[in-house]
């Protein structure tokens, strides 16, 4: 029997599965949620509301808001797990084209009270529909800028 030397901390830590979203890919703070909710594109469905905002970050971040109106703690956690799994499967719908990743997004998924009784298939259809609508909106408005209004438009923003 041979004696093994000490292992690195990396050897002891279990690897993150390739198909699992890591913690940095999540919206974590109130400020991150607030910024996305204030200025993001909103897609309402019967079971969920999805708010997305394109970002310049390296990866898409997703946050989940499951309020007490959905149910008790056990129900809310089950809903959150289901939403996480569906988002993991459907985030590819935000890509710009075949093999070309689109912009990264900050996304807030808010569960409506009816989500607790919904089937996984119904919830998956709504998530896919909302993500497609976000991607379609982004594709339609890519490169289009809002017309400038007010003083900045009339005199180029110069002060007198």
C-alpha atoms as a PDB file:
ATOM      1  CA  UNK A   1       0.000   0.000   0.000  1.00  0.00           C
ATOM      2  CA  UNK A   2       1.435   3.363  -0.990  1.00  0.00           C
ATOM      3  CA  UNK A   3       0.916   6.628   0.794  1.00  0.00           C
ATOM      4  CA  UNK A   4      -0.562   9.517  -1.182  1.00  0.00           C
ATOM      5  CA  UNK A   5       0.584  13.069  -0.666  1.00  0.00           C
ATOM      6  CA  UNK A   6      -1.730  15.980   0.213  1.00  0.00           C
ATOM      7  CA  UNK A   7      -4.173  16.978  -2.486  1.00  0.00           C
ATOM      8  CA  UNK A   8      -4.902  20.422  -3.799  1.00  0.00           C
ATOM      9  CA  UNK A   9      -8.172  22.103  -2.850  1.00  0.00           C
ATOM     10  CA  UNK A  10      -9.189  21.772  -6.493  1.00  0.00           C
ATOM     11  CA  UNK A  11      -8.819  17.989  -6.264  1.00  0.00           C
ATOM     12  CA  UNK A  12     -11.209  17.835  -3.311  1.00  0.00           C
ATOM     13  CA  UNK A  13     -13.927  20.107  -4.722  1.00  0.00           C
ATOM     14  CA  UNK A  14     -16.491  18.354  -6.875  1.00  0.00           C
ATOM     15  CA  UNK A  15     -16.603  19.691 -10.431  1.00  0.00           C
ATOM     16  CA  UNK A  16     -19.621  21.698 -11.581  1.00  0.00           C
ATOM     17  CA  UNK A  17     -21.548  19.697 -14.173  1.00  0.00           C
ATOM     18  CA  UNK A  18     -21.256  21.184 -17.656  1.00  0.00           C
ATOM     19  CA  UNK A  19     -25.013  21.599 -18.027  1.00  0.00           C
ATOM     20  CA  UNK A  20     -25.545  23.480 -14.755  1.00  0.00           C
ATOM     21  CA  UNK A  21     -25.639  27.262 -14.457  1.00  0.00           C
ATOM     22  CA  UNK A  22     -22.928  28.484 -12.089  1.00  0.00           C
ATOM     23  CA  UNK A  23     -23.586  31.050  -9.354  1.00  0.00           C
ATOM     24  CA  UNK A  24     -21.937  33.942 -11.240  1.00  0.00           C
ATOM     25  CA  UNK A  25     -24.575  33.380 -13.940  1.00  0.00           C
ATOM     26  CA  UNK A  26     -27.285  34.487 -11.519  1.00  0.00           C
ATOM     27  CA  UNK A  27     -28.649  37.900 -10.672  1.00  0.00           C
ATOM     28  CA  UNK A  28     -27.920  38.113  -6.962  1.00  0.00           C
ATOM     29  CA  UNK A  29     -28.379  41.639  -5.627  1.00  0.00           C
ATOM     30  CA  UNK A  30     -31.341  43.960  -5.319  1.00  0.00           C
ATOM     31  CA  UNK A  31     -29.562  46.461  -7.573  1.00  0.00           C
ATOM     32  CA  UNK A  32     -29.109  43.899 -10.356  1.00  0.00           C
ATOM     33  CA  UNK A  33     -32.787  42.918 -10.160  1.00  0.00           C
ATOM     34  CA  UNK A  34     -33.893  46.563 -10.015  1.00  0.00           C
ATOM     35  CA  UNK A  35     -31.824  47.650 -13.011  1.00  0.00           C
ATOM     36  CA  UNK A  36     -33.211  44.822 -15.127  1.00  0.00           C
ATOM     37  CA  UNK A  37     -36.809  45.401 -14.033  1.00  0.00           C
ATOM     38  CA  UNK A  38     -36.573  49.163 -14.649  1.00  0.00           C
ATOM     39  CA  UNK A  39     -35.114  49.138 -18.134  1.00  0.00           C
ATOM     40  CA  UNK A  40     -35.685  45.645 -19.527  1.00  0.00           C
ATOM     41  CA  UNK A  41     -38.127  44.380 -22.130  1.00  0.00           C
ATOM     42  CA  UNK A  42     -41.148  42.737 -20.448  1.00  0.00           C
ATOM     43  CA  UNK A  43     -42.856  39.597 -21.777  1.00  0.00           C
ATOM     44  CA  UNK A  44     -45.992  38.631 -19.832  1.00  0.00           C
ATOM     45  CA  UNK A  45     -47.470  35.164 -19.942  1.00  0.00           C
ATOM     46  CA  UNK A  46     -50.144  33.403 -17.856  1.00  0.00           C
ATOM     47  CA  UNK A  47     -47.665  31.579 -15.614  1.00  0.00           C
ATOM     48  CA  UNK A  48     -44.584  33.827 -15.724  1.00  0.00           C
ATOM     49  CA  UNK A  49     -43.391  37.319 -16.486  1.00  0.00           C
ATOM     50  CA  UNK A  50     -39.960  37.495 -18.057  1.00  0.00           C
ATOM     51  CA  UNK A  51     -37.977  40.755 -18.147  1.00  0.00           C
ATOM     52  CA  UNK A  52     -34.798  40.807 -20.226  1.00  0.00           C
ATOM     53  CA  UNK A  53     -32.154  43.401 -20.911  1.00  0.00           C
ATOM     54  CA  UNK A  54     -29.161  42.910 -23.247  1.00  0.00           C
ATOM     55  CA  UNK A  55     -25.786  43.427 -21.542  1.00  0.00           C
ATOM     56  CA  UNK A  56     -22.107  43.595 -22.414  1.00  0.00           C
ATOM     57  CA  UNK A  57     -21.152  40.878 -19.940  1.00  0.00           C
ATOM     58  CA  UNK A  58     -19.507  37.614 -20.911  1.00  0.00           C
ATOM     59  CA  UNK A  59     -22.471  35.425 -19.867  1.00  0.00           C
ATOM     60  CA  UNK A  60     -26.226  35.643 -19.519  1.00  0.00           C
ATOM     61  CA  UNK A  61     -27.412  36.072 -15.920  1.00  0.00           C
ATOM     62  CA  UNK A  62     -30.829  34.928 -14.694  1.00  0.00           C
ATOM     63  CA  UNK A  63     -32.660  35.798 -11.467  1.00  0.00           C
ATOM     64  CA  UNK A  64     -35.869  34.280 -10.137  1.00  0.00           C
ATOM     65  CA  UNK A  65     -38.622  36.029  -8.156  1.00  0.00           C
ATOM     66  CA  UNK A  66     -41.120  33.618  -6.623  1.00  0.00           C
ATOM     67  CA  UNK A  67     -43.324  35.445  -4.112  1.00  0.00           C
ATOM     68  CA  UNK A  68     -45.405  34.125  -1.242  1.00  0.00           C
ATOM     69  CA  UNK A  69     -48.561  34.361  -3.330  1.00  0.00           C
ATOM     70  CA  UNK A  70     -47.291  31.314  -5.231  1.00  0.00           C
ATOM     71  CA  UNK A  71     -47.418  29.153  -2.086  1.00  0.00           C
ATOM     72  CA  UNK A  72     -45.463  28.037   0.941  1.00  0.00           C
ATOM     73  CA  UNK A  73     -41.704  27.571   1.064  1.00  0.00           C
ATOM     74  CA  UNK A  74     -41.789  24.037  -0.314  1.00  0.00           C
ATOM     75  CA  UNK A  75     -43.946  25.065  -3.282  1.00  0.00           C
ATOM     76  CA  UNK A  76     -41.851  28.187  -3.988  1.00  0.00           C
ATOM     77  CA  UNK A  77     -38.626  26.182  -3.964  1.00  0.00           C
ATOM     78  CA  UNK A  78     -40.133  23.558  -6.284  1.00  0.00           C
ATOM     79  CA  UNK A  79     -41.262  26.294  -8.683  1.00  0.00           C
ATOM     80  CA  UNK A  80     -37.800  27.900  -8.568  1.00  0.00           C
ATOM     81  CA  UNK A  81     -36.105  24.563  -9.344  1.00  0.00           C
ATOM     82  CA  UNK A  82     -38.469  23.955 -12.264  1.00  0.00           C
ATOM     83  CA  UNK A  83     -37.857  27.447 -13.660  1.00  0.00           C
ATOM     84  CA  UNK A  84     -34.074  27.039 -13.320  1.00  0.00           C
ATOM     85  CA  UNK A  85     -34.182  23.761 -15.223  1.00  0.00           C
ATOM     86  CA  UNK A  86     -36.368  25.184 -17.984  1.00  0.00           C
ATOM     87  CA  UNK A  87     -34.189  28.278 -18.373  1.00  0.00           C
ATOM     88  CA  UNK A  88     -31.104  26.084 -18.614  1.00  0.00           C
ATOM     89  CA  UNK A  89     -32.740  24.139 -21.449  1.00  0.00           C
ATOM     90  CA  UNK A  90     -34.171  27.132 -23.322  1.00  0.00           C
ATOM     91  CA  UNK A  91     -31.505  29.861 -23.068  1.00  0.00           C
ATOM     92  CA  UNK A  92     -30.216  28.835 -26.513  1.00  0.00           C
ATOM     93  CA  UNK A  93     -33.335  30.537 -27.951  1.00  0.00           C
ATOM     94  CA  UNK A  94     -31.651  33.897 -27.329  1.00  0.00           C
ATOM     95  CA  UNK A  95     -28.796  33.141 -29.726  1.00  0.00           C
ATOM     96  CA  UNK A  96     -28.478  35.332 -32.803  1.00  0.00           C
ATOM     97  CA  UNK A  97     -27.993  32.559 -35.351  1.00  0.00           C
ATOM     98  CA  UNK A  98     -26.670  29.100 -35.948  1.00  0.00           C
ATOM     99  CA  UNK A  99     -23.452  28.780 -34.000  1.00  0.00           C
ATOM    100  CA  UNK A 100     -23.191  32.527 -33.418  1.00  0.00           C
ATOM    101  CA  UNK A 101     -23.967  33.544 -29.864  1.00  0.00           C
ATOM    102  CA  UNK A 102     -26.165  36.594 -29.581  1.00  0.00           C
ATOM    103  CA  UNK A 103     -25.906  39.301 -26.989  1.00  0.00           C
ATOM    104  CA  UNK A 104     -25.794  38.301 -23.366  1.00  0.00           C
ATOM    105  CA  UNK A 105     -28.784  39.156 -21.215  1.00  0.00           C
ATOM    106  CA  UNK A 106     -29.834  39.928 -17.675  1.00  0.00           C
ATOM    107  CA  UNK A 107     -33.170  38.163 -17.189  1.00  0.00           C
ATOM    108  CA  UNK A 108     -35.626  38.234 -14.294  1.00  0.00           C
ATOM    109  CA  UNK A 109     -38.234  35.467 -14.253  1.00  0.00           C
ATOM    110  CA  UNK A 110     -41.222  36.251 -12.015  1.00  0.00           C
ATOM    111  CA  UNK A 111     -43.618  33.427 -11.185  1.00  0.00           C
ATOM    112  CA  UNK A 112     -47.359  34.117 -11.153  1.00  0.00           C
ATOM    113  CA  UNK A 113     -49.578  32.333  -8.574  1.00  0.00           C
ATOM    114  CA  UNK A 114     -50.997  29.914 -11.188  1.00  0.00           C
ATOM    115  CA  UNK A 115     -47.537  28.421 -11.778  1.00  0.00           C
ATOM    116  CA  UNK A 116     -47.792  26.191  -8.688  1.00  0.00           C
ATOM    117  CA  UNK A 117     -50.545  24.072 -10.274  1.00  0.00           C
ATOM    118  CA  UNK A 118     -49.183  24.112 -13.839  1.00  0.00           C
ATOM    119  CA  UNK A 119     -47.627  21.117 -15.528  1.00  0.00           C
ATOM    120  CA  UNK A 120     -43.940  21.095 -16.424  1.00  0.00           C
ATOM    121  CA  UNK A 121     -44.829  20.981 -20.137  1.00  0.00           C
ATOM    122  CA  UNK A 122     -47.118  24.038 -19.902  1.00  0.00           C
ATOM    123  CA  UNK A 123     -44.485  25.968 -17.976  1.00  0.00           C
ATOM    124  CA  UNK A 124     -41.825  24.975 -20.517  1.00  0.00           C
ATOM    125  CA  UNK A 125     -43.981  26.198 -23.392  1.00  0.00           C
ATOM    126  CA  UNK A 126     -44.417  29.592 -21.721  1.00  0.00           C
ATOM    127  CA  UNK A 127     -40.712  29.963 -20.962  1.00  0.00           C
ATOM    128  CA  UNK A 128     -39.821  29.107 -24.567  1.00  0.00           C
ATOM    129  CA  UNK A 129     -42.463  31.505 -25.902  1.00  0.00           C
ATOM    130  CA  UNK A 130     -41.248  34.394 -23.748  1.00  0.00           C
ATOM    131  CA  UNK A 131     -37.586  33.804 -24.645  1.00  0.00           C
ATOM    132  CA  UNK A 132     -38.423  33.653 -28.363  1.00  0.00           C
ATOM    133  CA  UNK A 133     -40.324  36.942 -28.069  1.00  0.00           C
ATOM    134  CA  UNK A 134     -37.309  38.579 -26.377  1.00  0.00           C
ATOM    135  CA  UNK A 135     -34.962  37.330 -29.080  1.00  0.00           C
ATOM    136  CA  UNK A 136     -37.354  38.420 -31.846  1.00  0.00           C
ATOM    137  CA  UNK A 137     -37.712  41.899 -30.353  1.00  0.00           C
ATOM    138  CA  UNK A 138     -33.930  42.216 -30.119  1.00  0.00           C
ATOM    139  CA  UNK A 139     -33.473  41.061 -33.729  1.00  0.00           C
ATOM    140  CA  UNK A 140     -36.064  43.556 -35.020  1.00  0.00           C
ATOM    141  CA  UNK A 141     -34.545  46.478 -33.174  1.00  0.00           C
ATOM    142  CA  UNK A 142     -30.861  45.677 -33.550  1.00  0.00           C
ATOM    143  CA  UNK A 143     -29.033  48.770 -34.634  1.00  0.00           C
ATOM    144  CA  UNK A 144     -32.142  50.960 -34.447  1.00  0.00           C
ATOM    145  CA  UNK A 145     -31.766  53.947 -32.189  1.00  0.00           C
ATOM    146  CA  UNK A 146     -34.521  55.897 -30.534  1.00  0.00           C
ATOM    147  CA  UNK A 147     -35.114  59.325 -32.033  1.00  0.00           C
ATOM    148  CA  UNK A 148     -33.719  62.056 -29.883  1.00  0.00           C
ATOM    149  CA  UNK A 149     -36.285  64.421 -28.462  1.00  0.00           C
ATOM    150  CA  UNK A 150     -36.304  67.663 -26.567  1.00  0.00           C
ATOM    151  CA  UNK A 151     -33.471  70.127 -26.310  1.00  0.00           C
ATOM    152  CA  UNK A 152     -30.768  67.609 -27.101  1.00  0.00           C
ATOM    153  CA  UNK A 153     -32.359  66.924 -30.498  1.00  0.00           C
ATOM    154  CA  UNK A 154     -32.963  70.535 -31.506  1.00  0.00           C
ATOM    155  CA  UNK A 155     -29.574  72.068 -30.762  1.00  0.00           C
ATOM    156  CA  UNK A 156     -27.262  69.079 -30.546  1.00  0.00           C
ATOM    157  CA  UNK A 157     -27.225  69.243 -26.737  1.00  0.00           C
ATOM    158  CA  UNK A 158     -25.217  72.480 -26.630  1.00  0.00           C
ATOM    159  CA  UNK A 159     -25.863  74.828 -23.728  1.00  0.00           C
ATOM    160  CA  UNK A 160     -26.170  78.535 -24.199  1.00  0.00           C
END
